[in-house]
Every structure is written in C-alpha cells, then in structure tokens.
Amino acid sequence: QGLGMDHDYYSPWYEWPVIAKPMYYYYNPYNTPEKAATIMLMGNPAVWWGCLIGLLAMVGTAVYRHIRYDVSKYENPGIALRYKGFHFTQPWDFRYAMLLICFLVQFMPWVLVPRGTYIYHYFTSIPFIILCTAVCLDKMQERWPRKTLVLGAVILLTALALFIGFFPYASGVTVSRQWLESMQWFDRWIYF
C-alpha cells in the first residue's frame, strides 16, 4: 500500500519487457457509440518482444562464442586464456559487453526501487535491446546472409504493421470501437 503501488496502472519491473500492463492516459467519452478514442502508453510488441529475444540471443552468443571446452582441438586457437577450467578461444568482441552493461545500467536500478513503478521507466532500455538485436543480425549475416535478410525484413514489416495497428492508442485518434477491440490482445491492455 502507498508509495504508488496501489495505483491502478502500477506495473512492477518484470512486467515491462512483455508489456503486461500498459499505462492508461486518456479516454474520450463524448464519441458516438460506434467510435472511441484512447491513449495508452505501451511499446510496439514486435519491437519489445522481438528485441527481448535478440537480447537473450546476444547473451547466449557471447557465452557460446567466447567460452569453449578445449583449445587443444583447434589448430589456430586465437587468444587462449585459461580461467577456472574455461578456455577463451576468440578475441573478445566489446560490443556484447558494452550493450549488456548499458542495458543493465538502465534497467537494473528499477528492480531495487521500493515505490510504485510504471512501464514508462523501461523506455530508456529499449534502444539497447534494439542494438542487441542488430548485433545478433550482424553476426547471423556472416553465416546466413540470405536468411538474415529475410528475417530482418520480417521484423521491420511486422513492426510497421503493428505501428499502424496500435497508432490510435499512441495518438488518441478517434477510430471505430471494432478497431480498438481487435487490438486488445490481453485483458489488461486496452481501456476505452
């Protein structure tokens, strides 16, 4: 109770990446029965969910790429540093570390906040998960150039389609109630 945790749109930090509870800002009650206008603060699901997968893939790629079991199997092991049984066999790519540190610096302090938090606190972390996804696509491009191009196009087109679909919620444009209801994928998402 108190400290903003009893607010209707309070959202703890672990709900932000999956857009569990958007922030409600506006509703126009003077529209006709067929039309409505509302403003919800939420991210584009294609960007937030897709880039969350990209962030996790980048962490997995960093671990897989830099920690190998045995350097004696390789003719050209590159930089081989031994540390407590692990062998680092490739030069460290600082993009991984830098992006993860930047993401964690923006996100982790909110885990410790004792007052009410809201989904808009996650917005500063979004550029870093987008960059993590870009680094993953860059690494995939080296191995599977054609498949990576298709995957990148699918991500962009999906993000564009969902931007158009959710635009009335970001802008408050009056549209048909049917449109608003069709975008209410979960019970806690859309209010009008």
N, C-alpha and C. Protein backbone atom coordinates (compact mmCIF):
# COMPACT_ATOMS: atom_id res chain seq x y z
N GLN A 1 0.83 -1.19 0.00
CA GLN A 1 0.00 0.00 0.00
C GLN A 1 0.87 1.25 0.00
N GLY A 2 0.37 2.29 -0.63
CA GLY A 2 1.08 3.55 -0.65
C GLY A 2 2.26 3.53 -1.59
N LEU A 3 3.00 4.61 -1.63
CA LEU A 3 4.18 4.77 -2.47
C LEU A 3 3.89 4.50 -3.94
N GLY A 4 2.67 4.65 -4.36
CA GLY A 4 2.30 4.44 -5.76
C GLY A 4 2.01 3.00 -6.12
N MET A 5 2.18 2.07 -5.21
CA MET A 5 1.95 0.66 -5.54
C MET A 5 0.47 0.31 -5.56
N ASP A 6 -0.37 1.21 -5.04
CA ASP A 6 -1.81 0.97 -5.08
C ASP A 6 -2.46 1.69 -6.27
N HIS A 7 -1.65 2.29 -7.12
CA HIS A 7 -2.16 2.96 -8.32
C HIS A 7 -2.69 1.91 -9.29
N ASP A 8 -3.74 2.24 -10.01
CA ASP A 8 -4.36 1.29 -10.93
C ASP A 8 -3.41 0.81 -12.03
N TYR A 9 -2.46 1.63 -12.40
CA TYR A 9 -1.57 1.26 -13.51
C TYR A 9 -0.14 1.01 -13.05
N TYR A 10 0.00 0.71 -11.76
CA TYR A 10 1.29 0.28 -11.24
C TYR A 10 1.71 -0.99 -11.97
N SER A 11 2.98 -1.04 -12.35
CA SER A 11 3.50 -2.20 -13.09
C SER A 11 4.91 -2.50 -12.59
N PRO A 12 5.13 -3.66 -11.97
CA PRO A 12 6.47 -3.99 -11.50
C PRO A 12 7.43 -4.23 -12.66
N TRP A 13 8.71 -4.16 -12.39
CA TRP A 13 9.76 -4.20 -13.42
C TRP A 13 9.71 -5.45 -14.28
N TYR A 14 9.31 -6.59 -13.73
CA TYR A 14 9.33 -7.83 -14.51
C TYR A 14 8.18 -7.91 -15.52
N GLU A 15 7.22 -7.00 -15.44
CA GLU A 15 6.13 -6.97 -16.42
C GLU A 15 6.45 -6.09 -17.63
N TRP A 16 7.42 -5.21 -17.52
CA TRP A 16 7.69 -4.25 -18.59
C TRP A 16 8.11 -4.89 -19.89
N PRO A 17 9.09 -5.80 -19.91
CA PRO A 17 9.54 -6.33 -21.21
C PRO A 17 8.46 -7.04 -22.01
N VAL A 18 7.46 -7.58 -21.34
CA VAL A 18 6.41 -8.32 -22.05
C VAL A 18 5.13 -7.48 -22.21
N ILE A 19 5.19 -6.21 -21.85
CA ILE A 19 4.06 -5.28 -21.97
C ILE A 19 2.82 -5.84 -21.27
N ALA A 20 3.00 -6.29 -20.04
CA ALA A 20 1.88 -6.90 -19.32
C ALA A 20 0.80 -5.89 -18.95
N LYS A 21 1.20 -4.66 -18.60
CA LYS A 21 0.19 -3.67 -18.21
C LYS A 21 0.59 -2.28 -18.70
N PRO A 22 0.02 -1.85 -19.82
CA PRO A 22 0.30 -0.50 -20.33
C PRO A 22 -0.27 0.57 -19.39
N MET A 23 0.18 1.77 -19.58
CA MET A 23 -0.29 2.91 -18.79
C MET A 23 -1.43 3.59 -19.54
N TYR A 24 -2.53 3.80 -18.85
CA TYR A 24 -3.72 4.42 -19.43
C TYR A 24 -3.65 5.93 -19.20
N TYR A 25 -3.83 6.74 -20.27
CA TYR A 25 -3.74 8.18 -20.16
C TYR A 25 -5.04 8.93 -20.48
N TYR A 26 -5.79 8.45 -21.44
CA TYR A 26 -6.88 9.29 -21.94
C TYR A 26 -7.98 8.44 -22.53
N TYR A 27 -9.23 8.92 -22.34
CA TYR A 27 -10.38 8.34 -23.00
C TYR A 27 -11.35 9.47 -23.30
N ASN A 28 -11.93 9.48 -24.48
CA ASN A 28 -12.90 10.49 -24.87
C ASN A 28 -14.30 9.90 -24.74
N PRO A 29 -15.03 10.25 -23.70
CA PRO A 29 -16.36 9.67 -23.51
C PRO A 29 -17.44 10.31 -24.37
N TYR A 30 -17.10 11.33 -25.15
CA TYR A 30 -18.10 12.05 -25.92
C TYR A 30 -18.22 11.57 -27.36
N ASN A 31 -17.58 10.47 -27.69
CA ASN A 31 -17.67 9.94 -29.04
C ASN A 31 -19.00 9.22 -29.24
N THR A 32 -19.28 8.92 -30.48
CA THR A 32 -20.50 8.17 -30.80
C THR A 32 -20.36 6.74 -30.30
N PRO A 33 -21.44 5.99 -30.24
CA PRO A 33 -21.35 4.60 -29.78
C PRO A 33 -20.47 3.72 -30.67
N GLU A 34 -20.30 4.11 -31.93
CA GLU A 34 -19.50 3.30 -32.85
C GLU A 34 -18.02 3.67 -32.82
N LYS A 35 -17.69 4.84 -32.26
CA LYS A 35 -16.31 5.32 -32.31
C LYS A 35 -15.81 5.63 -30.90
N ALA A 36 -14.49 5.59 -30.74
CA ALA A 36 -13.88 5.91 -29.45
C ALA A 36 -12.46 6.40 -29.67
N ALA A 37 -11.91 7.03 -28.66
CA ALA A 37 -10.52 7.49 -28.69
C ALA A 37 -9.90 7.22 -27.33
N THR A 38 -8.70 6.72 -27.33
CA THR A 38 -7.98 6.43 -26.09
C THR A 38 -6.49 6.59 -26.33
N ILE A 39 -5.76 6.83 -25.26
CA ILE A 39 -4.30 6.87 -25.34
C ILE A 39 -3.75 5.93 -24.29
N MET A 40 -2.95 4.98 -24.75
CA MET A 40 -2.29 4.01 -23.88
C MET A 40 -0.79 4.11 -24.12
N LEU A 41 -0.03 4.10 -23.05
CA LEU A 41 1.42 4.12 -23.17
C LEU A 41 1.90 2.67 -23.15
N MET A 42 2.34 2.21 -24.31
CA MET A 42 2.84 0.84 -24.43
C MET A 42 3.80 0.79 -25.61
N GLY A 43 4.62 -0.22 -25.64
CA GLY A 43 5.56 -0.37 -26.74
C GLY A 43 4.97 -1.16 -27.88
N ASN A 44 5.65 -1.11 -29.01
CA ASN A 44 5.29 -1.91 -30.16
C ASN A 44 5.67 -3.36 -29.84
N PRO A 45 4.72 -4.28 -29.82
CA PRO A 45 5.04 -5.66 -29.46
C PRO A 45 6.13 -6.29 -30.34
N ALA A 46 6.16 -5.96 -31.61
CA ALA A 46 7.20 -6.53 -32.48
C ALA A 46 8.59 -6.08 -32.04
N VAL A 47 8.69 -4.84 -31.61
CA VAL A 47 9.98 -4.32 -31.17
C VAL A 47 10.31 -4.85 -29.79
N TRP A 48 9.40 -4.73 -28.86
CA TRP A 48 9.72 -5.12 -27.48
C TRP A 48 9.92 -6.62 -27.34
N TRP A 49 9.03 -7.43 -27.91
CA TRP A 49 9.17 -8.88 -27.77
C TRP A 49 10.28 -9.41 -28.65
N GLY A 50 10.35 -8.94 -29.89
CA GLY A 50 11.40 -9.39 -30.80
C GLY A 50 12.78 -9.03 -30.30
N CYS A 51 12.93 -7.83 -29.78
CA CYS A 51 14.24 -7.40 -29.30
C CYS A 51 14.59 -8.03 -27.96
N LEU A 52 13.59 -8.42 -27.18
CA LEU A 52 13.88 -9.18 -25.97
C LEU A 52 14.50 -10.52 -26.34
N ILE A 53 13.99 -11.14 -27.39
CA ILE A 53 14.60 -12.37 -27.91
C ILE A 53 16.01 -12.07 -28.41
N GLY A 54 16.19 -10.93 -29.08
CA GLY A 54 17.52 -10.53 -29.55
C GLY A 54 18.50 -10.33 -28.41
N LEU A 55 18.04 -9.75 -27.31
CA LEU A 55 18.90 -9.57 -26.13
C LEU A 55 19.33 -10.91 -25.57
N LEU A 56 18.39 -11.83 -25.42
CA LEU A 56 18.73 -13.16 -24.90
C LEU A 56 19.64 -13.92 -25.86
N ALA A 57 19.41 -13.74 -27.16
CA ALA A 57 20.27 -14.40 -28.15
C ALA A 57 21.68 -13.83 -28.09
N MET A 58 21.80 -12.53 -27.86
CA MET A 58 23.13 -11.93 -27.78
C MET A 58 23.89 -12.43 -26.55
N VAL A 59 23.21 -12.58 -25.43
CA VAL A 59 23.85 -13.14 -24.24
C VAL A 59 24.32 -14.57 -24.53
N GLY A 60 23.45 -15.37 -25.13
CA GLY A 60 23.83 -16.75 -25.48
C GLY A 60 24.97 -16.81 -26.46
N THR A 61 24.95 -15.92 -27.46
CA THR A 61 26.02 -15.87 -28.45
C THR A 61 27.34 -15.49 -27.80
N ALA A 62 27.31 -14.52 -26.90
CA ALA A 62 28.53 -14.08 -26.23
C ALA A 62 29.14 -15.22 -25.41
N VAL A 63 28.30 -15.93 -24.71
CA VAL A 63 28.80 -17.05 -23.91
C VAL A 63 29.34 -18.16 -24.81
N TYR A 64 28.57 -18.53 -25.82
CA TYR A 64 29.00 -19.61 -26.72
C TYR A 64 30.27 -19.24 -27.47
N ARG A 65 30.35 -18.02 -27.91
CA ARG A 65 31.46 -17.61 -28.76
C ARG A 65 32.78 -17.52 -28.01
N HIS A 66 32.73 -17.17 -26.76
CA HIS A 66 33.95 -16.88 -26.04
C HIS A 66 34.37 -17.97 -25.05
N ILE A 67 33.52 -18.88 -24.75
CA ILE A 67 33.90 -19.93 -23.81
C ILE A 67 33.79 -21.27 -24.53
N ARG A 68 34.91 -21.92 -24.71
CA ARG A 68 34.97 -23.23 -25.35
C ARG A 68 35.55 -24.23 -24.36
N TYR A 69 35.41 -25.49 -24.67
CA TYR A 69 35.87 -26.50 -23.74
C TYR A 69 37.36 -26.78 -23.81
N ASP A 70 37.90 -26.95 -24.99
CA ASP A 70 39.29 -27.37 -25.07
C ASP A 70 39.97 -26.71 -26.27
N VAL A 71 40.99 -25.87 -26.02
CA VAL A 71 41.67 -25.20 -27.10
C VAL A 71 42.61 -26.13 -27.84
N SER A 72 42.96 -27.26 -27.29
CA SER A 72 43.89 -28.16 -27.97
C SER A 72 43.27 -28.76 -29.23
N LYS A 73 41.95 -28.71 -29.38
CA LYS A 73 41.28 -29.24 -30.56
C LYS A 73 41.47 -28.34 -31.77
N TYR A 74 41.81 -27.10 -31.55
CA TYR A 74 41.87 -26.12 -32.63
C TYR A 74 43.30 -25.92 -33.11
N GLU A 75 43.47 -25.87 -34.42
CA GLU A 75 44.80 -25.59 -34.97
C GLU A 75 45.21 -24.16 -34.71
N ASN A 76 44.27 -23.24 -34.87
CA ASN A 76 44.56 -21.84 -34.65
C ASN A 76 43.60 -21.32 -33.57
N PRO A 77 43.95 -21.50 -32.32
CA PRO A 77 43.01 -21.18 -31.26
C PRO A 77 42.81 -19.69 -31.00
N GLY A 78 43.58 -18.82 -31.64
CA GLY A 78 43.43 -17.39 -31.38
C GLY A 78 43.94 -17.07 -29.99
N ILE A 79 43.26 -16.21 -29.33
CA ILE A 79 43.65 -15.87 -27.97
C ILE A 79 43.09 -16.94 -27.05
N ALA A 80 43.96 -17.64 -26.36
CA ALA A 80 43.53 -18.71 -25.47
C ALA A 80 43.92 -18.36 -24.05
N LEU A 81 42.97 -17.94 -23.27
CA LEU A 81 43.20 -17.61 -21.88
C LEU A 81 42.50 -18.64 -21.02
N ARG A 82 43.20 -19.17 -20.05
CA ARG A 82 42.59 -20.16 -19.17
C ARG A 82 42.10 -19.47 -17.90
N TYR A 83 40.87 -19.76 -17.54
CA TYR A 83 40.32 -19.19 -16.32
C TYR A 83 39.38 -20.21 -15.69
N LYS A 84 39.79 -20.82 -14.60
CA LYS A 84 38.98 -21.77 -13.84
C LYS A 84 38.35 -22.84 -14.73
N GLY A 85 39.12 -23.41 -15.61
CA GLY A 85 38.64 -24.51 -16.42
C GLY A 85 38.02 -24.12 -17.74
N PHE A 86 37.71 -22.85 -17.95
CA PHE A 86 37.16 -22.40 -19.21
C PHE A 86 38.29 -21.88 -20.09
N HIS A 87 38.11 -22.00 -21.37
CA HIS A 87 39.10 -21.52 -22.32
C HIS A 87 38.46 -20.48 -23.22
N PHE A 88 39.03 -19.30 -23.25
CA PHE A 88 38.54 -18.24 -24.11
C PHE A 88 39.32 -18.35 -25.41
N THR A 89 38.64 -18.72 -26.49
CA THR A 89 39.36 -19.06 -27.72
C THR A 89 39.25 -18.03 -28.82
N GLN A 90 38.48 -16.98 -28.63
CA GLN A 90 38.35 -15.97 -29.67
C GLN A 90 38.55 -14.59 -29.04
N PRO A 91 38.99 -13.65 -29.81
CA PRO A 91 39.13 -12.30 -29.26
C PRO A 91 37.78 -11.78 -28.77
N TRP A 92 37.80 -11.07 -27.69
CA TRP A 92 36.57 -10.55 -27.10
C TRP A 92 35.98 -9.46 -27.99
N ASP A 93 34.71 -9.54 -28.27
CA ASP A 93 34.00 -8.50 -29.01
C ASP A 93 33.35 -7.58 -27.98
N PHE A 94 33.85 -6.37 -27.86
CA PHE A 94 33.40 -5.46 -26.82
C PHE A 94 31.98 -4.94 -27.04
N ARG A 95 31.41 -5.16 -28.21
CA ARG A 95 30.04 -4.73 -28.44
C ARG A 95 29.08 -5.46 -27.50
N TYR A 96 29.34 -6.75 -27.30
CA TYR A 96 28.47 -7.53 -26.42
C TYR A 96 28.48 -6.95 -25.01
N ALA A 97 29.67 -6.79 -24.46
CA ALA A 97 29.79 -6.30 -23.09
C ALA A 97 29.22 -4.89 -22.96
N MET A 98 29.54 -4.02 -23.89
CA MET A 98 29.08 -2.64 -23.80
C MET A 98 27.56 -2.54 -23.85
N LEU A 99 26.93 -3.26 -24.77
CA LEU A 99 25.47 -3.20 -24.85
C LEU A 99 24.79 -3.80 -23.63
N LEU A 100 25.33 -4.90 -23.13
CA LEU A 100 24.74 -5.51 -21.94
C LEU A 100 24.90 -4.61 -20.72
N ILE A 101 26.06 -3.99 -20.58
CA ILE A 101 26.27 -3.07 -19.46
C ILE A 101 25.31 -1.88 -19.57
N CYS A 102 25.20 -1.31 -20.76
CA CYS A 102 24.29 -0.17 -20.96
C CYS A 102 22.85 -0.55 -20.65
N PHE A 103 22.43 -1.72 -21.12
CA PHE A 103 21.07 -2.17 -20.82
C PHE A 103 20.87 -2.34 -19.32
N LEU A 104 21.80 -3.00 -18.66
CA LEU A 104 21.66 -3.26 -17.23
C LEU A 104 21.72 -1.99 -16.40
N VAL A 105 22.51 -1.01 -16.82
CA VAL A 105 22.59 0.26 -16.10
C VAL A 105 21.24 0.98 -16.17
N GLN A 106 20.54 0.85 -17.26
CA GLN A 106 19.23 1.50 -17.40
C GLN A 106 18.11 0.72 -16.72
N PHE A 107 18.22 -0.61 -16.70
CA PHE A 107 17.10 -1.44 -16.24
C PHE A 107 17.21 -1.86 -14.78
N MET A 108 18.38 -2.30 -14.35
CA MET A 108 18.51 -2.91 -13.04
C MET A 108 18.22 -1.98 -11.86
N PRO A 109 18.54 -0.68 -11.91
CA PRO A 109 18.18 0.16 -10.76
C PRO A 109 16.69 0.15 -10.43
N TRP A 110 15.83 -0.06 -11.43
CA TRP A 110 14.40 -0.08 -11.17
C TRP A 110 13.96 -1.32 -10.41
N VAL A 111 14.76 -2.36 -10.44
CA VAL A 111 14.45 -3.57 -9.68
C VAL A 111 14.48 -3.27 -8.18
N LEU A 112 15.33 -2.35 -7.77
CA LEU A 112 15.53 -2.04 -6.34
C LEU A 112 14.66 -0.91 -5.83
N VAL A 113 13.89 -0.26 -6.69
CA VAL A 113 13.07 0.89 -6.27
C VAL A 113 11.91 0.40 -5.39
N PRO A 114 11.78 0.95 -4.17
CA PRO A 114 10.74 0.47 -3.26
C PRO A 114 9.36 1.09 -3.49
N ARG A 115 9.26 2.09 -4.34
CA ARG A 115 7.96 2.72 -4.60
C ARG A 115 7.34 2.15 -5.86
N GLY A 116 6.17 2.64 -6.21
CA GLY A 116 5.48 2.19 -7.42
C GLY A 116 6.25 2.55 -8.68
N THR A 117 6.31 1.64 -9.60
CA THR A 117 6.97 1.87 -10.89
C THR A 117 5.96 1.61 -12.00
N TYR A 118 6.28 2.17 -13.17
CA TYR A 118 5.35 2.10 -14.29
C TYR A 118 6.12 1.75 -15.55
N ILE A 119 5.40 1.35 -16.56
CA ILE A 119 6.01 0.84 -17.78
C ILE A 119 6.92 1.88 -18.46
N TYR A 120 6.66 3.14 -18.29
CA TYR A 120 7.48 4.16 -18.96
C TYR A 120 8.91 4.19 -18.44
N HIS A 121 9.18 3.59 -17.29
CA HIS A 121 10.55 3.52 -16.79
C HIS A 121 11.43 2.61 -17.66
N TYR A 122 10.81 1.74 -18.43
CA TYR A 122 11.55 0.81 -19.28
C TYR A 122 11.98 1.44 -20.61
N PHE A 123 11.43 2.59 -20.94
CA PHE A 123 11.69 3.19 -22.25
C PHE A 123 13.17 3.48 -22.49
N THR A 124 13.94 3.81 -21.46
CA THR A 124 15.36 4.09 -21.66
C THR A 124 16.17 2.84 -21.98
N SER A 125 15.62 1.67 -21.73
CA SER A 125 16.31 0.42 -22.03
C SER A 125 16.08 -0.05 -23.46
N ILE A 126 15.03 0.43 -24.10
CA ILE A 126 14.65 -0.04 -25.42
C ILE A 126 15.73 0.17 -26.48
N PRO A 127 16.40 1.32 -26.55
CA PRO A 127 17.45 1.45 -27.59
C PRO A 127 18.53 0.38 -27.49
N PHE A 128 18.83 -0.05 -26.27
CA PHE A 128 19.90 -1.04 -26.10
C PHE A 128 19.46 -2.44 -26.51
N ILE A 129 18.19 -2.79 -26.30
CA ILE A 129 17.77 -4.11 -26.78
C ILE A 129 17.62 -4.10 -28.30
N ILE A 130 17.30 -2.95 -28.88
CA ILE A 130 17.26 -2.85 -30.34
C ILE A 130 18.68 -3.03 -30.90
N LEU A 131 19.66 -2.39 -30.27
CA LEU A 131 21.05 -2.55 -30.72
C LEU A 131 21.55 -3.98 -30.51
N CYS A 132 21.12 -4.64 -29.44
CA CYS A 132 21.48 -6.05 -29.24
C CYS A 132 20.95 -6.91 -30.38
N THR A 133 19.74 -6.65 -30.80
CA THR A 133 19.16 -7.38 -31.93
C THR A 133 19.93 -7.10 -33.21
N ALA A 134 20.34 -5.85 -33.40
CA ALA A 134 21.13 -5.50 -34.58
C ALA A 134 22.47 -6.23 -34.59
N VAL A 135 23.12 -6.35 -33.44
CA VAL A 135 24.39 -7.08 -33.36
C VAL A 135 24.17 -8.56 -33.67
N CYS A 136 23.08 -9.12 -33.16
CA CYS A 136 22.78 -10.53 -33.47
C CYS A 136 22.55 -10.72 -34.97
N LEU A 137 21.80 -9.82 -35.59
CA LEU A 137 21.57 -9.91 -37.03
C LEU A 137 22.88 -9.75 -37.80
N ASP A 138 23.77 -8.90 -37.31
CA ASP A 138 25.07 -8.71 -37.95
C ASP A 138 25.89 -10.00 -37.90
N LYS A 139 25.87 -10.67 -36.76
CA LYS A 139 26.59 -11.94 -36.64
C LYS A 139 25.95 -13.02 -37.51
N MET A 140 24.63 -13.04 -37.58
CA MET A 140 23.95 -14.02 -38.42
C MET A 140 24.25 -13.76 -39.90
N GLN A 141 24.42 -12.50 -40.26
CA GLN A 141 24.69 -12.12 -41.65
C GLN A 141 25.97 -12.78 -42.16
N GLU A 142 26.96 -12.96 -41.29
CA GLU A 142 28.21 -13.59 -41.68
C GLU A 142 28.00 -15.05 -42.09
N ARG A 143 27.08 -15.71 -41.43
CA ARG A 143 26.88 -17.15 -41.66
C ARG A 143 25.74 -17.45 -42.63
N TRP A 144 24.64 -16.75 -42.48
CA TRP A 144 23.45 -16.98 -43.31
C TRP A 144 22.98 -15.66 -43.90
N PRO A 145 23.63 -15.14 -44.92
CA PRO A 145 23.28 -13.80 -45.42
C PRO A 145 21.85 -13.69 -45.94
N ARG A 146 21.39 -14.66 -46.69
CA ARG A 146 20.05 -14.57 -47.28
C ARG A 146 18.96 -14.72 -46.23
N LYS A 147 19.11 -15.68 -45.33
CA LYS A 147 18.12 -15.89 -44.28
C LYS A 147 18.06 -14.69 -43.33
N THR A 148 19.21 -14.08 -43.08
CA THR A 148 19.23 -12.91 -42.20
C THR A 148 18.53 -11.73 -42.85
N LEU A 149 18.69 -11.58 -44.13
CA LEU A 149 18.00 -10.50 -44.85
C LEU A 149 16.49 -10.69 -44.77
N VAL A 150 16.04 -11.91 -44.95
CA VAL A 150 14.60 -12.21 -44.85
C VAL A 150 14.10 -11.96 -43.42
N LEU A 151 14.86 -12.41 -42.43
CA LEU A 151 14.46 -12.22 -41.04
C LEU A 151 14.39 -10.73 -40.70
N GLY A 152 15.38 -9.96 -41.13
CA GLY A 152 15.36 -8.52 -40.89
C GLY A 152 14.16 -7.85 -41.53
N ALA A 153 13.83 -8.26 -42.75
CA ALA A 153 12.67 -7.70 -43.45
C ALA A 153 11.37 -8.06 -42.72
N VAL A 154 11.27 -9.29 -42.23
CA VAL A 154 10.07 -9.71 -41.50
C VAL A 154 9.92 -8.89 -40.22
N ILE A 155 11.02 -8.68 -39.51
CA ILE A 155 10.97 -7.89 -38.27
C ILE A 155 10.51 -6.47 -38.58
N LEU A 156 11.08 -5.85 -39.61
CA LEU A 156 10.71 -4.48 -39.95
C LEU A 156 9.26 -4.36 -40.41
N LEU A 157 8.82 -5.28 -41.24
CA LEU A 157 7.44 -5.22 -41.74
C LEU A 157 6.43 -5.48 -40.62
N THR A 158 6.76 -6.40 -39.73
CA THR A 158 5.88 -6.67 -38.59
C THR A 158 5.80 -5.45 -37.68
N ALA A 159 6.95 -4.82 -37.42
CA ALA A 159 6.96 -3.61 -36.59
C ALA A 159 6.14 -2.49 -37.24
N LEU A 160 6.25 -2.34 -38.54
CA LEU A 160 5.48 -1.32 -39.26
C LEU A 160 3.98 -1.61 -39.20
N ALA A 161 3.60 -2.86 -39.42
CA ALA A 161 2.18 -3.24 -39.37
C ALA A 161 1.60 -3.00 -37.97
N LEU A 162 2.35 -3.35 -36.94
CA LEU A 162 1.85 -3.15 -35.57
C LEU A 162 1.86 -1.67 -35.19
N PHE A 163 2.79 -0.90 -35.74
CA PHE A 163 2.76 0.55 -35.51
C PHE A 163 1.45 1.13 -36.05
N ILE A 164 1.07 0.72 -37.25
CA ILE A 164 -0.18 1.19 -37.84
C ILE A 164 -1.37 0.71 -37.02
N GLY A 165 -1.33 -0.57 -36.61
CA GLY A 165 -2.44 -1.13 -35.83
C GLY A 165 -2.63 -0.45 -34.49
N PHE A 166 -1.54 -0.12 -33.81
CA PHE A 166 -1.62 0.48 -32.48
C PHE A 166 -1.53 2.00 -32.50
N PHE A 167 -1.46 2.60 -33.68
CA PHE A 167 -1.34 4.06 -33.76
C PHE A 167 -2.47 4.80 -33.04
N PRO A 168 -3.72 4.36 -33.14
CA PRO A 168 -4.78 5.07 -32.40
C PRO A 168 -4.54 5.10 -30.89
N TYR A 169 -3.85 4.12 -30.34
CA TYR A 169 -3.59 4.11 -28.90
C TYR A 169 -2.46 5.06 -28.52
N ALA A 170 -1.54 5.29 -29.42
CA ALA A 170 -0.44 6.21 -29.16
C ALA A 170 -0.84 7.66 -29.40
N SER A 171 -1.82 7.89 -30.25
CA SER A 171 -2.14 9.25 -30.67
C SER A 171 -3.47 9.78 -30.16
N GLY A 172 -4.38 8.91 -29.79
CA GLY A 172 -5.70 9.35 -29.37
C GLY A 172 -6.65 9.66 -30.52
N VAL A 173 -6.31 9.20 -31.71
CA VAL A 173 -7.16 9.40 -32.89
C VAL A 173 -8.47 8.64 -32.69
N THR A 174 -9.56 9.26 -33.07
CA THR A 174 -10.86 8.61 -32.97
C THR A 174 -11.01 7.60 -34.10
N VAL A 175 -11.26 6.36 -33.73
CA VAL A 175 -11.45 5.27 -34.69
C VAL A 175 -12.63 4.43 -34.25
N SER A 176 -12.97 3.44 -35.04
CA SER A 176 -14.10 2.57 -34.69
C SER A 176 -13.75 1.73 -33.46
N ARG A 177 -14.77 1.45 -32.68
CA ARG A 177 -14.57 0.61 -31.50
C ARG A 177 -14.13 -0.79 -31.91
N GLN A 178 -14.55 -1.22 -33.08
CA GLN A 178 -14.14 -2.54 -33.57
C GLN A 178 -12.63 -2.60 -33.75
N TRP A 179 -12.01 -1.55 -34.26
CA TRP A 179 -10.56 -1.49 -34.41
C TRP A 179 -9.90 -1.59 -33.03
N LEU A 180 -10.41 -0.79 -32.08
CA LEU A 180 -9.83 -0.81 -30.74
C LEU A 180 -9.96 -2.19 -30.10
N GLU A 181 -11.12 -2.81 -30.26
CA GLU A 181 -11.33 -4.12 -29.67
C GLU A 181 -10.47 -5.20 -30.33
N SER A 182 -10.21 -5.05 -31.63
CA SER A 182 -9.40 -6.05 -32.33
C SER A 182 -7.94 -6.02 -31.87
N MET A 183 -7.47 -4.89 -31.36
CA MET A 183 -6.10 -4.78 -30.89
C MET A 183 -5.95 -5.10 -29.40
N GLN A 184 -7.05 -5.42 -28.75
CA GLN A 184 -7.00 -5.77 -27.33
C GLN A 184 -6.68 -7.26 -27.20
N TRP A 185 -5.39 -7.57 -27.31
CA TRP A 185 -4.95 -8.96 -27.30
C TRP A 185 -5.05 -9.60 -25.92
N PHE A 186 -4.92 -8.81 -24.88
CA PHE A 186 -4.96 -9.31 -23.50
C PHE A 186 -5.92 -8.45 -22.70
N ASP A 187 -6.44 -8.99 -21.63
CA ASP A 187 -7.45 -8.28 -20.81
C ASP A 187 -6.92 -6.97 -20.22
N ARG A 188 -5.67 -6.92 -19.86
CA ARG A 188 -5.11 -5.75 -19.19
C ARG A 188 -4.57 -4.70 -20.17
N TRP A 189 -4.79 -4.85 -21.46
CA TRP A 189 -4.15 -3.96 -22.42
C TRP A 189 -4.90 -2.69 -22.70
N ILE A 190 -6.07 -2.75 -23.24
CA ILE A 190 -6.73 -1.57 -23.81
C ILE A 190 -7.94 -1.20 -22.96
N TYR A 191 -8.05 0.10 -22.69
CA TYR A 191 -9.18 0.59 -21.93
C TYR A 191 -9.82 1.73 -22.71
N PHE A 192 -11.11 1.66 -22.93
CA PHE A 192 -11.84 2.76 -23.58
C PHE A 192 -13.31 2.65 -23.24
